Amino acid sequence: MEEQYVKQGRFSRGVKQRNEVGIWVLHATAMPSILTEIGFITDRSEEDYMNSQGGQQQIASDLLQAIIKYKTLLDAGHVH
C-alpha cells in the first residue's frame, strides 16, 4: 500500500508493524489484513484531497493496485 501511495506523490511516514501486540481491529482476522492511513483530516490540504472526487478515485485506485500486486505475488509463491 505504501509503495502505491508514494508512486502517486503522497508523503510517506513509513510503515509500522506491531509484532508483540497486534492492532486490536486486526487481531482476530483469519485472512491477510492491514490497516492503512491515507491521510490526516487535521492537515487542511490532505483533508481537501481526501474529500475531492479525484483524491478519492486515486486513493481507491492505489488500494486496488496494491491488492492486485499482492495477489500476483501470492499466486507466484513470493508471499507466505
Protein backbone atom coordinates (compact mmCIF):
# COMPACT_ATOMS: atom_id res chain seq x y z
CA MET A 1 0.00 0.00 0.00
CA GLU A 2 2.73 2.41 1.00
CA GLU A 3 4.56 1.86 -2.29
CA GLN A 4 1.42 2.75 -4.26
CA TYR A 5 0.86 5.92 -2.25
CA VAL A 6 4.45 7.04 -2.80
CA LYS A 7 4.22 6.33 -6.55
CA GLN A 8 1.42 8.89 -6.72
CA GLY A 9 3.44 11.54 -4.89
CA ARG A 10 1.89 11.12 -1.44
CA PHE A 11 4.12 11.69 1.59
CA SER A 12 5.39 8.53 3.28
CA ARG A 13 5.50 8.39 7.05
CA GLY A 14 6.93 4.89 6.87
CA VAL A 15 5.45 1.50 7.65
CA LYS A 16 4.91 0.49 11.25
CA GLN A 17 4.35 -3.07 12.39
CA ARG A 18 3.34 -4.29 15.81
CA ASN A 19 4.88 -7.68 16.44
CA GLU A 20 4.35 -8.32 20.14
CA VAL A 21 0.87 -6.82 20.45
CA GLY A 22 -1.32 -6.76 17.36
CA ILE A 23 -3.56 -3.91 16.35
CA TRP A 24 -6.90 -4.65 18.01
CA VAL A 25 -9.12 -4.28 14.91
CA LEU A 26 -6.88 -6.75 13.04
CA HIS A 27 -6.35 -9.13 15.95
CA ALA A 28 -8.85 -11.88 15.13
CA THR A 29 -8.80 -11.84 11.34
CA ALA A 30 -8.35 -15.20 9.64
CA MET A 31 -7.03 -13.67 6.43
CA PRO A 32 -4.27 -11.29 5.41
CA SER A 33 -5.20 -7.85 6.71
CA ILE A 34 -3.77 -4.37 7.02
CA LEU A 35 -4.74 -1.04 8.45
CA THR A 36 -3.73 1.82 6.18
CA GLU A 37 -3.60 5.50 6.91
CA ILE A 38 -4.48 7.55 3.85
CA GLY A 39 -4.07 10.99 5.37
CA PHE A 40 -4.96 13.30 8.22
CA ILE A 41 -8.07 15.46 8.35
CA THR A 42 -6.15 17.78 10.67
CA ASP A 43 -3.99 18.75 7.66
CA ARG A 44 -6.17 21.03 5.51
CA SER A 45 -4.55 20.06 2.21
CA GLU A 46 -4.87 16.32 2.98
CA GLU A 47 -8.48 16.81 4.06
CA ASP A 48 -9.25 18.63 0.81
CA TYR A 49 -7.54 15.86 -1.19
CA MET A 50 -9.43 13.08 0.59
CA ASN A 51 -12.74 14.92 0.16
CA SER A 52 -12.19 15.58 -3.54
CA GLN A 53 -13.55 13.21 -6.17
CA GLY A 54 -10.12 12.98 -7.80
CA GLY A 55 -8.44 12.21 -4.48
CA GLN A 56 -10.97 9.52 -3.62
CA GLN A 57 -10.59 7.93 -7.04
CA GLN A 58 -6.79 7.99 -6.75
CA ILE A 59 -6.86 6.50 -3.25
CA ALA A 60 -9.24 3.73 -4.39
CA SER A 61 -7.03 3.06 -7.41
CA ASP A 62 -3.92 2.88 -5.21
CA LEU A 63 -5.63 0.38 -2.90
CA LEU A 64 -6.78 -1.75 -5.83
CA GLN A 65 -3.33 -1.76 -7.46
CA ALA A 66 -1.68 -2.77 -4.18
CA ILE A 67 -4.15 -5.64 -3.72
CA ILE A 68 -3.61 -6.82 -7.30
CA LYS A 69 0.17 -6.76 -6.78
CA TYR A 70 -0.16 -8.69 -3.50
CA LYS A 71 -2.38 -11.33 -5.17
CA THR A 72 0.09 -11.69 -8.06
CA LEU A 73 2.97 -12.19 -5.62
CA LEU A 74 0.90 -14.61 -3.56
CA ASP A 75 -0.02 -16.68 -6.62
CA ALA A 76 3.65 -16.79 -7.65
CA GLY A 77 4.63 -18.08 -4.19
CA HIS A 78 6.56 -14.96 -3.19
CA VAL A 79 4.36 -14.21 -0.14
CA HIS A 80 3.82 -16.56 2.80
